[in-house]
C-alpha atoms as a PDB file:
ATOM      1  CA  MET A   1      14.455 -36.443 -11.143  1.00  0.00           C
ATOM      2  CA  SER A   2      14.643 -34.046  -8.157  1.00  0.00           C
ATOM      3  CA  VAL A   3      17.347 -34.912  -5.645  1.00  0.00           C
ATOM      4  CA  GLU A   4      16.825 -37.308  -2.470  1.00  0.00           C
ATOM      5  CA  ILE A   5      17.818 -35.744   0.604  1.00  0.00           C
ATOM      6  CA  VAL A   6      18.428 -37.346   3.890  1.00  0.00           C
ATOM      7  CA  VAL A   7      18.658 -35.868   7.183  1.00  0.00           C
ATOM      8  CA  VAL A   8      21.524 -37.317   9.642  1.00  0.00           C
ATOM      9  CA  PRO A   9      21.316 -36.285  13.200  1.00  0.00           C
ATOM     10  CA  CYS A  10      24.894 -35.371  14.959  1.00  0.00           C
ATOM     11  CA  LEU A  11      26.493 -34.946  17.753  1.00  0.00           C
ATOM     12  CA  SER A  12      23.356 -33.458  20.588  1.00  0.00           C
ATOM     13  CA  ASP A  13      21.676 -31.331  17.504  1.00  0.00           C
ATOM     14  CA  ASN A  14      23.726 -31.186  14.510  1.00  0.00           C
ATOM     15  CA  TYR A  15      22.179 -32.304  11.344  1.00  0.00           C
ATOM     16  CA  ALA A  16      24.329 -33.105   7.901  1.00  0.00           C
ATOM     17  CA  TYR A  17      22.153 -34.004   4.850  1.00  0.00           C
ATOM     18  CA  LEU A  18      23.001 -36.652   2.335  1.00  0.00           C
ATOM     19  CA  VAL A  19      21.981 -35.658  -1.139  1.00  0.00           C
ATOM     20  CA  LYS A  20      21.983 -37.862  -3.839  1.00  0.00           C
ATOM     21  CA  ALA A  21      21.588 -36.949  -7.973  1.00  0.00           C
ATOM     22  CA  GLY A  22      21.949 -39.833 -10.044  1.00  0.00           C
ATOM     23  CA  ASP A  23      25.184 -41.707  -9.000  1.00  0.00           C
ATOM     24  CA  ALA A  24      26.524 -38.711  -7.273  1.00  0.00           C
ATOM     25  CA  CYS A  25      25.709 -38.182  -3.735  1.00  0.00           C
ATOM     26  CA  ALA A  26      27.380 -35.702  -1.481  1.00  0.00           C
ATOM     27  CA  VAL A  27      26.576 -35.004   2.601  1.00  0.00           C
ATOM     28  CA  VAL A  28      26.621 -31.818   3.828  1.00  0.00           C
ATOM     29  CA  ASP A  29      28.254 -30.407   6.896  1.00  0.00           C
ATOM     30  CA  PRO A  30      29.498 -33.436   8.220  1.00  0.00           C
ATOM     31  CA  SER A  31      30.180 -32.778  12.046  1.00  0.00           C
ATOM     32  CA  GLU A  32      31.336 -36.615  12.451  1.00  0.00           C
ATOM     33  CA  PRO A  33      32.309 -39.586  10.573  1.00  0.00           C
ATOM     34  CA  GLY A  34      29.760 -42.272  12.001  1.00  0.00           C
ATOM     35  CA  PRO A  35      26.581 -41.406  11.790  1.00  0.00           C
ATOM     36  CA  VAL A  36      26.916 -40.276   8.136  1.00  0.00           C
ATOM     37  CA  THR A  37      28.816 -43.673   7.371  1.00  0.00           C
ATOM     38  CA  ALA A  38      26.038 -45.158   8.818  1.00  0.00           C
ATOM     39  CA  ALA A  39      23.432 -43.569   6.617  1.00  0.00           C
ATOM     40  CA  LEU A  40      25.097 -44.414   3.703  1.00  0.00           C
ATOM     41  CA  SER A  41      25.325 -48.213   4.646  1.00  0.00           C
ATOM     42  CA  ALA A  42      21.990 -48.731   4.870  1.00  0.00           C
ATOM     43  CA  ARG A  43      20.977 -47.093   2.073  1.00  0.00           C
ATOM     44  CA  GLY A  44      24.017 -48.712  -0.323  1.00  0.00           C
ATOM     45  CA  TRP A  45      25.104 -45.062  -1.935  1.00  0.00           C
ATOM     46  CA  ARG A  46      28.551 -44.116  -2.221  1.00  0.00           C
ATOM     47  CA  LEU A  47      30.000 -40.852  -0.884  1.00  0.00           C
ATOM     48  CA  THR A  48      31.531 -38.680  -3.828  1.00  0.00           C
ATOM     49  CA  HIS A  49      31.479 -35.320  -2.092  1.00  0.00           C
ATOM     50  CA  ILE A  50      31.858 -33.647   1.143  1.00  0.00           C
ATOM     51  CA  LEU A  51      30.234 -29.984   1.005  1.00  0.00           C
ATOM     52  CA  ASN A  52      30.552 -27.247   3.824  1.00  0.00           C
ATOM     53  CA  THR A  53      28.868 -24.340   4.147  1.00  0.00           C
ATOM     54  CA  HIS A  54      31.586 -22.785   6.835  1.00  0.00           C
ATOM     55  CA  HIS A  55      34.688 -23.576   8.855  1.00  0.00           C
ATOM     56  CA  HIS A  56      33.279 -24.685  12.174  1.00  0.00           C
ATOM     57  CA  LEU A  57      34.582 -27.712  13.740  1.00  0.00           C
ATOM     58  CA  ASP A  58      30.809 -29.225  14.207  1.00  0.00           C
ATOM     59  CA  HIS A  59      30.309 -29.016  10.319  1.00  0.00           C
ATOM     60  CA  THR A  60      33.728 -30.039   9.399  1.00  0.00           C
ATOM     61  CA  GLY A  61      34.580 -32.826  11.681  1.00  0.00           C
ATOM     62  CA  GLY A  62      33.792 -35.449   9.928  1.00  0.00           C
ATOM     63  CA  ASN A  63      35.600 -34.272   6.930  1.00  0.00           C
ATOM     64  CA  LEU A  64      39.069 -35.929   6.884  1.00  0.00           C
ATOM     65  CA  ALA A  65      37.691 -39.535   8.208  1.00  0.00           C
ATOM     66  CA  LEU A  66      35.159 -39.609   5.062  1.00  0.00           C
ATOM     67  CA  LYS A  67      37.526 -38.487   2.427  1.00  0.00           C
ATOM     68  CA  GLN A  68      39.815 -40.742   3.533  1.00  0.00           C
ATOM     69  CA  ALA A  69      37.210 -43.586   3.436  1.00  0.00           C
ATOM     70  CA  ALA A  70      35.381 -42.788   0.380  1.00  0.00           C
ATOM     71  CA  GLY A  71      37.849 -40.798  -1.917  1.00  0.00           C
ATOM     72  CA  ALA A  72      35.205 -38.088  -1.834  1.00  0.00           C
ATOM     73  CA  ILE A  73      35.636 -34.368  -3.258  1.00  0.00           C
ATOM     74  CA  VAL A  74      35.509 -31.727  -0.308  1.00  0.00           C
ATOM     75  CA  VAL A  75      34.408 -28.588  -1.589  1.00  0.00           C
ATOM     76  CA  GLY A  76      33.689 -25.071   0.152  1.00  0.00           C
ATOM     77  CA  PRO A  77      33.756 -21.719   0.638  1.00  0.00           C
ATOM     78  CA  GLY A  78      36.708 -20.565  -1.880  1.00  0.00           C
ATOM     79  CA  LYS A  79      37.454 -17.490   0.463  1.00  0.00           C
ATOM     80  CA  ASP A  80      37.697 -19.323   3.541  1.00  0.00           C
ATOM     81  CA  ALA A  81      39.832 -21.975   2.346  1.00  0.00           C
ATOM     82  CA  ALA A  82      42.573 -22.070   4.858  1.00  0.00           C
ATOM     83  CA  ARG A  83      39.937 -22.949   7.161  1.00  0.00           C
ATOM     84  CA  ILE A  84      37.976 -25.575   5.918  1.00  0.00           C
ATOM     85  CA  PRO A  85      39.717 -29.257   6.526  1.00  0.00           C
ATOM     86  CA  GLY A  86      40.839 -31.298   3.195  1.00  0.00           C
ATOM     87  CA  ILE A  87      39.076 -28.771   0.687  1.00  0.00           C
ATOM     88  CA  ASP A  88      39.648 -29.824  -2.863  1.00  0.00           C
ATOM     89  CA  VAL A  89      37.059 -27.272  -4.616  1.00  0.00           C
ATOM     90  CA  GLY A  90      36.707 -23.926  -3.496  1.00  0.00           C
ATOM     91  CA  VAL A  91      33.461 -22.081  -4.675  1.00  0.00           C
ATOM     92  CA  ASP A  92      31.687 -18.679  -4.708  1.00  0.00           C
ATOM     93  CA  GLU A  93      28.901 -16.936  -6.234  1.00  0.00           C
ATOM     94  CA  SER A  94      30.402 -16.479  -9.339  1.00  0.00           C
ATOM     95  CA  SER A  95      32.064 -19.823 -10.038  1.00  0.00           C
ATOM     96  CA  GLY A  96      28.965 -21.690  -8.783  1.00  0.00           C
ATOM     97  CA  TRP A  97      29.133 -25.467  -8.879  1.00  0.00           C
ATOM     98  CA  ASP A  98      27.931 -28.451 -11.031  1.00  0.00           C
ATOM     99  CA  PHE A  99      26.710 -31.864  -8.874  1.00  0.00           C
ATOM    100  CA  GLY A 100      25.744 -34.240 -10.721  1.00  0.00           C
ATOM    101  CA  GLY A 101      24.793 -32.548 -13.760  1.00  0.00           C
ATOM    102  CA  ARG A 102      22.937 -30.074 -11.782  1.00  0.00           C
ATOM    103  CA  LYS A 103      24.084 -26.277 -11.527  1.00  0.00           C
ATOM    104  CA  VAL A 104      24.272 -25.523  -7.940  1.00  0.00           C
ATOM    105  CA  GLN A 105      23.731 -21.792  -6.913  1.00  0.00           C
ATOM    106  CA  VAL A 106      26.428 -20.644  -4.252  1.00  0.00           C
ATOM    107  CA  LEU A 107      25.396 -17.705  -1.787  1.00  0.00           C
ATOM    108  CA  GLU A 108      27.806 -15.873  -0.142  1.00  0.00           C
ATOM    109  CA  VAL A 109      26.104 -15.018   3.428  1.00  0.00           C
ATOM    110  CA  PRO A 110      28.836 -13.845   6.093  1.00  0.00           C
ATOM    111  CA  ALA A 111      28.234 -12.872   9.213  1.00  0.00           C
ATOM    112  CA  HIS A 112      28.310 -16.539  11.478  1.00  0.00           C
ATOM    113  CA  THR A 113      31.985 -16.793   9.949  1.00  0.00           C
ATOM    114  CA  ARG A 114      33.384 -14.194   7.424  1.00  0.00           C
ATOM    115  CA  GLY A 115      33.167 -17.142   4.765  1.00  0.00           C
ATOM    116  CA  SER A 116      29.569 -18.456   5.381  1.00  0.00           C
ATOM    117  CA  ILE A 117      27.832 -19.700   2.139  1.00  0.00           C
ATOM    118  CA  THR A 118      24.658 -21.388   1.125  1.00  0.00           C
ATOM    119  CA  PHE A 119      24.105 -24.358  -1.539  1.00  0.00           C
ATOM    120  CA  VAL A 120      21.013 -23.918  -3.458  1.00  0.00           C
ATOM    121  CA  ILE A 121      20.439 -27.373  -5.040  1.00  0.00           C
ATOM    122  CA  ASP A 122      17.075 -28.136  -7.088  1.00  0.00           C
ATOM    123  CA  GLY A 123      15.322 -25.454  -5.258  1.00  0.00           C
ATOM    124  CA  ASN A 124      16.876 -26.807  -1.704  1.00  0.00           C
ATOM    125  CA  ALA A 125      18.998 -23.968   0.239  1.00  0.00           C
ATOM    126  CA  PHE A 126      21.123 -25.890   2.511  1.00  0.00           C
ATOM    127  CA  THR A 127      21.994 -22.650   5.272  1.00  0.00           C
ATOM    128  CA  GLY A 128      24.272 -24.420   7.629  1.00  0.00           C
ATOM    129  CA  ASP A 129      24.504 -21.665  10.154  1.00  0.00           C
ATOM    130  CA  THR A 130      23.276 -18.368   8.980  1.00  0.00           C
ATOM    131  CA  LEU A 131      19.428 -19.217   8.534  1.00  0.00           C
ATOM    132  CA  PHE A 132      17.572 -21.238  11.090  1.00  0.00           C
ATOM    133  CA  ALA A 133      13.789 -22.716  11.470  1.00  0.00           C
ATOM    134  CA  MET A 134      12.654 -19.454  12.905  1.00  0.00           C
ATOM    135  CA  GLY A 135      16.433 -18.230  13.796  1.00  0.00           C
ATOM    136  CA  CYS A 136      19.399 -17.037  12.536  1.00  0.00           C
ATOM    137  CA  GLY A 137      23.117 -17.685  13.565  1.00  0.00           C
ATOM    138  CA  ARG A 138      25.252 -15.684  15.921  1.00  0.00           C
ATOM    139  CA  LEU A 139      27.071 -12.735  14.839  1.00  0.00           C
ATOM    140  CA  PHE A 140      30.238 -14.131  15.444  1.00  0.00           C
ATOM    141  CA  GLU A 141      32.787 -12.705  12.554  1.00  0.00           C
ATOM    142  CA  GLY A 142      30.127  -9.910  11.335  1.00  0.00           C
ATOM    143  CA  ASP A 143      27.988  -7.256  12.626  1.00  0.00           C
ATOM    144  CA  PRO A 144      24.060  -6.642  12.571  1.00  0.00           C
ATOM    145  CA  GLY A 145      24.207  -5.091   9.091  1.00  0.00           C
ATOM    146  CA  MET A 146      26.338  -7.681   7.491  1.00  0.00           C
ATOM    147  CA  MET A 147      23.846 -10.741   8.754  1.00  0.00           C
ATOM    148  CA  TRP A 148      20.997  -8.561   7.679  1.00  0.00           C
ATOM    149  CA  ALA A 149      22.074  -7.956   4.148  1.00  0.00           C
ATOM    150  CA  SER A 150      22.906 -12.031   3.953  1.00  0.00           C
ATOM    151  CA  LEU A 151      19.197 -12.968   5.318  1.00  0.00           C
ATOM    152  CA  SER A 152      18.069 -10.332   2.703  1.00  0.00           C
ATOM    153  CA  LYS A 153      20.186 -12.483   0.344  1.00  0.00           C
ATOM    154  CA  LEU A 154      18.296 -15.995   1.296  1.00  0.00           C
ATOM    155  CA  MET A 155      14.940 -13.811   1.238  1.00  0.00           C
ATOM    156  CA  ARG A 156      15.040 -13.207  -2.512  1.00  0.00           C
ATOM    157  CA  LEU A 157      14.948 -16.641  -2.881  1.00  0.00           C
ATOM    158  CA  PRO A 158      11.111 -18.486  -4.280  1.00  0.00           C
ATOM    159  CA  ASP A 159       9.065 -18.937  -1.035  1.00  0.00           C
ATOM    160  CA  ALA A 160       8.825 -22.798  -2.359  1.00  0.00           C
ATOM    161  CA  THR A 161      12.576 -23.281  -1.669  1.00  0.00           C
ATOM    162  CA  LYS A 162      13.266 -25.783   1.051  1.00  0.00           C
ATOM    163  CA  VAL A 163      15.359 -24.656   3.698  1.00  0.00           C
ATOM    164  CA  TRP A 164      17.808 -27.538   5.477  1.00  0.00           C
ATOM    165  CA  CYS A 165      19.648 -25.638   8.311  1.00  0.00           C
ATOM    166  CA  GLY A 166      22.595 -26.779  10.314  1.00  0.00           C
ATOM    167  CA  HIS A 167      20.887 -27.521  13.456  1.00  0.00           C
ATOM    168  CA  GLU A 168      17.616 -28.546  16.064  1.00  0.00           C
ATOM    169  CA  TYR A 169      17.196 -25.420  17.437  1.00  0.00           C
ATOM    170  CA  THR A 170      13.588 -24.788  15.932  1.00  0.00           C
ATOM    171  CA  GLU A 171      11.379 -25.072  19.134  1.00  0.00           C
ATOM    172  CA  SER A 172      13.247 -22.880  21.163  1.00  0.00           C
ATOM    173  CA  ASN A 173      13.943 -20.335  18.231  1.00  0.00           C
ATOM    174  CA  GLY A 174       9.808 -19.973  18.286  1.00  0.00           C
ATOM    175  CA  ARG A 175       9.441 -19.665  21.993  1.00  0.00           C
ATOM    176  CA  PHE A 176      11.876 -16.692  21.537  1.00  0.00           C
ATOM    177  CA  ALA A 177       9.529 -15.511  18.391  1.00  0.00           C
ATOM    178  CA  LEU A 178       6.668 -15.653  20.363  1.00  0.00           C
ATOM    179  CA  THR A 179       7.757 -12.890  22.662  1.00  0.00           C
ATOM    180  CA  LEU A 180       8.071 -10.521  19.954  1.00  0.00           C
ATOM    181  CA  GLU A 181       5.270 -11.789  18.046  1.00  0.00           C
ATOM    182  CA  ALA A 182       2.612 -13.498  20.209  1.00  0.00           C
ATOM    183  CA  GLY A 183      -0.156 -12.124  17.979  1.00  0.00           C
ATOM    184  CA  ASN A 184       1.364 -14.198  14.564  1.00  0.00           C
ATOM    185  CA  GLN A 185      -1.298 -16.499  13.726  1.00  0.00           C
ATOM    186  CA  ALA A 186       1.285 -18.326  11.354  1.00  0.00           C
ATOM    187  CA  LEU A 187       3.902 -18.302  14.084  1.00  0.00           C
ATOM    188  CA  GLN A 188       1.189 -20.103  16.661  1.00  0.00           C
ATOM    189  CA  GLU A 189       0.173 -22.850  14.452  1.00  0.00           C
ATOM    190  CA  ARG A 190       3.680 -23.437  13.284  1.00  0.00           C
ATOM    191  CA  MET A 191       4.753 -24.004  17.093  1.00  0.00           C
ATOM    192  CA  LYS A 192       1.925 -26.144  17.521  1.00  0.00           C
ATOM    193  CA  ARG A 193       3.140 -28.765  14.480  1.00  0.00           C
ATOM    194  CA  VAL A 194       6.702 -28.177  15.520  1.00  0.00           C
ATOM    195  CA  ARG A 195       5.943 -29.274  19.419  1.00  0.00           C
ATOM    196  CA  ALA A 196       3.936 -32.234  17.784  1.00  0.00           C
ATOM    197  CA  ALA A 197       7.151 -33.412  15.875  1.00  0.00           C
ATOM    198  CA  ARG A 198       9.684 -32.982  18.333  1.00  0.00           C
ATOM    199  CA  GLY A 199       7.171 -34.446  21.001  1.00  0.00           C
ATOM    200  CA  ALA A 200       7.440 -37.487  18.458  1.00  0.00           C
ATOM    201  CA  GLY A 201      11.064 -37.596  17.927  1.00  0.00           C
ATOM    202  CA  GLN A 202      10.949 -36.594  14.480  1.00  0.00           C
ATOM    203  CA  THR A 203      12.966 -33.911  13.162  1.00  0.00           C
ATOM    204  CA  SER A 204      11.215 -30.146  12.453  1.00  0.00           C
ATOM    205  CA  MET A 205      13.322 -30.063   8.439  1.00  0.00           C
ATOM    206  CA  PRO A 206      12.638 -29.081   6.303  1.00  0.00           C
ATOM    207  CA  SER A 207      11.497 -25.474   6.366  1.00  0.00           C
ATOM    208  CA  ASP A 208      10.818 -23.237   3.480  1.00  0.00           C
ATOM    209  CA  MET A 209      11.461 -19.405   2.611  1.00  0.00           C
ATOM    210  CA  GLY A 210       7.678 -18.525   2.601  1.00  0.00           C
ATOM    211  CA  LEU A 211       7.396 -20.160   5.951  1.00  0.00           C
ATOM    212  CA  GLU A 212      10.521 -18.325   7.124  1.00  0.00           C
ATOM    213  CA  LYS A 213       9.281 -15.141   5.955  1.00  0.00           C
ATOM    214  CA  ALA A 214       5.810 -15.519   7.905  1.00  0.00           C
ATOM    215  CA  THR A 215       7.248 -16.614  11.409  1.00  0.00           C
ATOM    216  CA  ASN A 216      10.871 -15.743  11.496  1.00  0.00           C
ATOM    217  CA  PRO A 217      11.804 -13.017  13.575  1.00  0.00           C
ATOM    218  CA  PHE A 218      14.961 -12.303  12.231  1.00  0.00           C
ATOM    219  CA  LEU A 219      13.194 -11.856   8.712  1.00  0.00           C
ATOM    220  CA  ARG A 220      10.484  -9.924  10.010  1.00  0.00           C
ATOM    221  CA  VAL A 221      11.985  -6.441  11.411  1.00  0.00           C
ATOM    222  CA  SER A 222       9.401  -4.740   9.210  1.00  0.00           C
ATOM    223  CA  SER A 223       6.721  -6.144  11.691  1.00  0.00           C
ATOM    224  CA  PRO A 224       4.480  -3.287  13.583  1.00  0.00           C
ATOM    225  CA  GLU A 225       4.104  -6.092  16.519  1.00  0.00           C
ATOM    226  CA  ILE A 226       7.684  -6.889  16.739  1.00  0.00           C
ATOM    227  CA  ARG A 227       8.874  -3.091  16.489  1.00  0.00           C
ATOM    228  CA  LYS A 228       6.114  -2.109  19.189  1.00  0.00           C
ATOM    229  CA  SER A 229       7.382  -5.360  21.547  1.00  0.00           C
ATOM    230  CA  LEU A 230      11.051  -3.612  21.145  1.00  0.00           C
ATOM    231  CA  GLY A 231       9.938  -0.159  21.686  1.00  0.00           C
ATOM    232  CA  MET A 232      11.707   0.304  18.069  1.00  0.00           C
ATOM    233  CA  GLU A 233       8.767   1.802  15.842  1.00  0.00           C
ATOM    234  CA  GLN A 234      10.687   4.511  13.980  1.00  0.00           C
ATOM    235  CA  ALA A 235      14.186   2.708  13.791  1.00  0.00           C
ATOM    236  CA  GLY A 236      16.093   1.316  10.698  1.00  0.00           C
ATOM    237  CA  ASP A 237      15.848  -2.337   9.880  1.00  0.00           C
ATOM    238  CA  VAL A 238      19.324  -3.116  10.474  1.00  0.00           C
ATOM    239  CA  ALA A 239      18.920  -1.423  14.410  1.00  0.00           C
ATOM    240  CA  VAL A 240      15.871  -3.263  14.808  1.00  0.00           C
ATOM    241  CA  PHE A 241      17.490  -6.879  13.635  1.00  0.00           C
ATOM    242  CA  GLY A 242      20.269  -6.174  15.522  1.00  0.00           C
ATOM    243  CA  GLU A 243      18.008  -5.733  18.780  1.00  0.00           C
ATOM    244  CA  ILE A 244      16.637  -8.619  17.894  1.00  0.00           C
ATOM    245  CA  ARG A 245      19.636 -10.735  17.610  1.00  0.00           C
ATOM    246  CA  ARG A 246      20.990  -9.030  21.286  1.00  0.00           C
ATOM    247  CA  ARG A 247      17.945 -10.323  22.746  1.00  0.00           C
ATOM    248  CA  LYS A 248      18.164 -14.029  21.325  1.00  0.00           C
ATOM    249  CA  ASP A 249      21.511 -14.022  22.323  1.00  0.00           C
ATOM    250  CA  SER A 250      20.772 -13.651  26.351  1.00  0.00           C
ATOM    251  CA  PHE A 251      17.182 -15.435  25.601  1.00  0.00           C
END
């Protein structure tokens, strides 16, 4: 039986996720305890683990209260353990992790923060603020080369891998993507679906890796149309990525 996943909106545009596998139940990136507690109570689930993709407060702000209330085990990036509130278990690529009898793949994807990780559970990638739907995170603690390497690592996941990211930025990301690749039919069609979903008050989660590779400009540095839009037809991949990120920062 596959894991059950519940989207938990937090703050203004954050997402936490409940992930249930048998008797084990984790929350990914709880920015605040209230919505998580309410979602657990509505389903009669008991929290056993707290997973953090990186240290930022809008992903860890609920750690201590939830840990105290439920006795949950906090799991996060071992290489950034000093900045993860209440951490009990530090993980990395070599350690992986085990959840509800399932092997969890841990990918180290630094750049947004130096310790950022992605958890892959049963074909579901929890990417935090590294990979967004049609976007990627700002380079707070890395450079374009580091983020391009991290995104390239995520792109090696199977196309069917579901992507659950840390924020509802999808519509804005799509508007930016269209400024670079207006002729991308898959992008145009995706934006229609996203606008309809958001207009109906629905989440845009999850995406999947195949869809991201077809529509996310940050993964499409080899696109002739994007390179032409940037005037960088002959530039290297990292340079093109860096220019896309620079433009998005001021979009």
